[in-house]
Every structure is written in C-alpha cells, then in structure tokens.
Amino acid sequence: MKTPGLSYNSRKALIVNIGETAGTEIAELMAQMASEIEELRRSKVNVTRIVPNTSDSANNIAEEPI
C-alpha cells in the first residue's frame, strides 16, 4: 500500500521556504496524520440500536390478559 504523503514538489517547496529541518518535519507529520486518518476510515464501525424502546415494551406487557 502506498504511504500517503506530500508530492516531491510540495516537500521541496516546504524545504526551500522554511528550511530543511522544519520542512521535513512538517512533511513527515502530515504523512503520519494522513495514515492515521486512513486507518480510522478503514476501521469505522456503524452502530445499530438493537434494544427496543422500553416504554413500548412495558405497555405491551401490561396489556396481556391473565
């Protein structure tokens, strides 16, 4: 799987404008964040309620003949 990150040109522009150390650090941080976001998207779980409404079930029980 391809590691998400900045293109060569974007990384180079950062390095030229803010310096090699800071540009590299920001580019690596952005790549890590993109990777974590992708992992969260892959592991996202939809939650479905399976417990019935308690007020409805209480009324049904009280209405049953004895």
Protein backbone atom coordinates (compact mmCIF):
# COMPACT_ATOMS: atom_id res chain seq x y z
CA MET A 1 0.00 0.00 0.00
CA LYS A 2 1.27 3.44 -0.89
CA THR A 3 2.06 5.62 2.09
CA PRO A 4 0.08 8.85 1.88
CA GLY A 5 2.16 11.99 1.87
CA LEU A 6 3.23 15.07 0.03
CA SER A 7 4.48 15.05 -3.50
CA TYR A 8 8.14 15.70 -4.20
CA ASN A 9 7.35 19.25 -5.37
CA SER A 10 5.34 20.08 -2.24
CA ARG A 11 8.05 18.70 0.03
CA LYS A 12 10.72 20.65 -1.88
CA ALA A 13 8.68 23.88 -1.63
CA LEU A 14 8.41 23.45 2.15
CA ILE A 15 12.13 22.83 2.47
CA VAL A 16 13.03 25.85 0.32
CA ASN A 17 10.66 28.23 2.10
CA ILE A 18 11.01 27.26 5.75
CA GLY A 19 14.22 25.26 5.88
CA GLU A 20 15.20 21.64 5.51
CA THR A 21 14.66 20.52 9.10
CA ALA A 22 11.28 22.22 9.58
CA GLY A 23 10.05 21.31 6.09
CA THR A 24 10.95 17.64 6.55
CA GLU A 25 9.35 17.56 9.99
CA ILE A 26 6.09 19.07 8.71
CA ALA A 27 6.00 16.74 5.70
CA GLU A 28 6.52 13.69 7.93
CA LEU A 29 3.87 14.87 10.39
CA MET A 30 1.38 15.34 7.54
CA ALA A 31 2.15 11.84 6.22
CA GLN A 32 1.58 10.33 9.68
CA MET A 33 -1.70 12.20 10.08
CA ALA A 34 -2.91 11.09 6.65
CA SER A 35 -2.04 7.49 7.51
CA GLU A 36 -3.93 7.67 10.81
CA ILE A 37 -6.99 9.20 9.12
CA GLU A 38 -6.99 6.42 6.53
CA GLU A 39 -6.77 3.80 9.31
CA LEU A 40 -9.72 5.42 11.11
CA ARG A 41 -11.76 5.37 7.90
CA ARG A 42 -10.99 1.68 7.35
CA SER A 43 -11.87 0.68 10.91
CA LYS A 44 -15.04 2.80 11.20
CA VAL A 45 -18.00 0.82 12.55
CA ASN A 46 -21.65 1.72 12.10
CA VAL A 47 -23.72 1.26 15.24
CA THR A 48 -27.29 -0.01 15.04
CA ARG A 49 -29.60 0.03 18.06
CA ILE A 50 -30.89 -3.42 18.92
CA VAL A 51 -32.66 -2.59 22.19
CA PRO A 52 -36.37 -1.83 21.73
CA ASN A 53 -37.90 1.29 23.17
CA THR A 54 -38.55 0.48 26.86
CA SER A 55 -41.84 2.42 27.09
CA ASP A 56 -43.36 0.34 24.23
CA SER A 57 -42.37 -3.00 25.75
CA ALA A 58 -43.72 -2.02 29.21
CA ASN A 59 -47.14 -1.17 27.70
CA ASN A 60 -47.30 -4.46 25.80
CA ILE A 61 -46.61 -6.49 28.92
CA ALA A 62 -49.30 -4.69 30.97
CA GLU A 63 -51.96 -5.26 28.26
CA GLU A 64 -51.60 -9.06 28.08
CA PRO A 65 -54.60 -10.98 29.58
CA ILE A 66 -54.03 -13.10 32.68
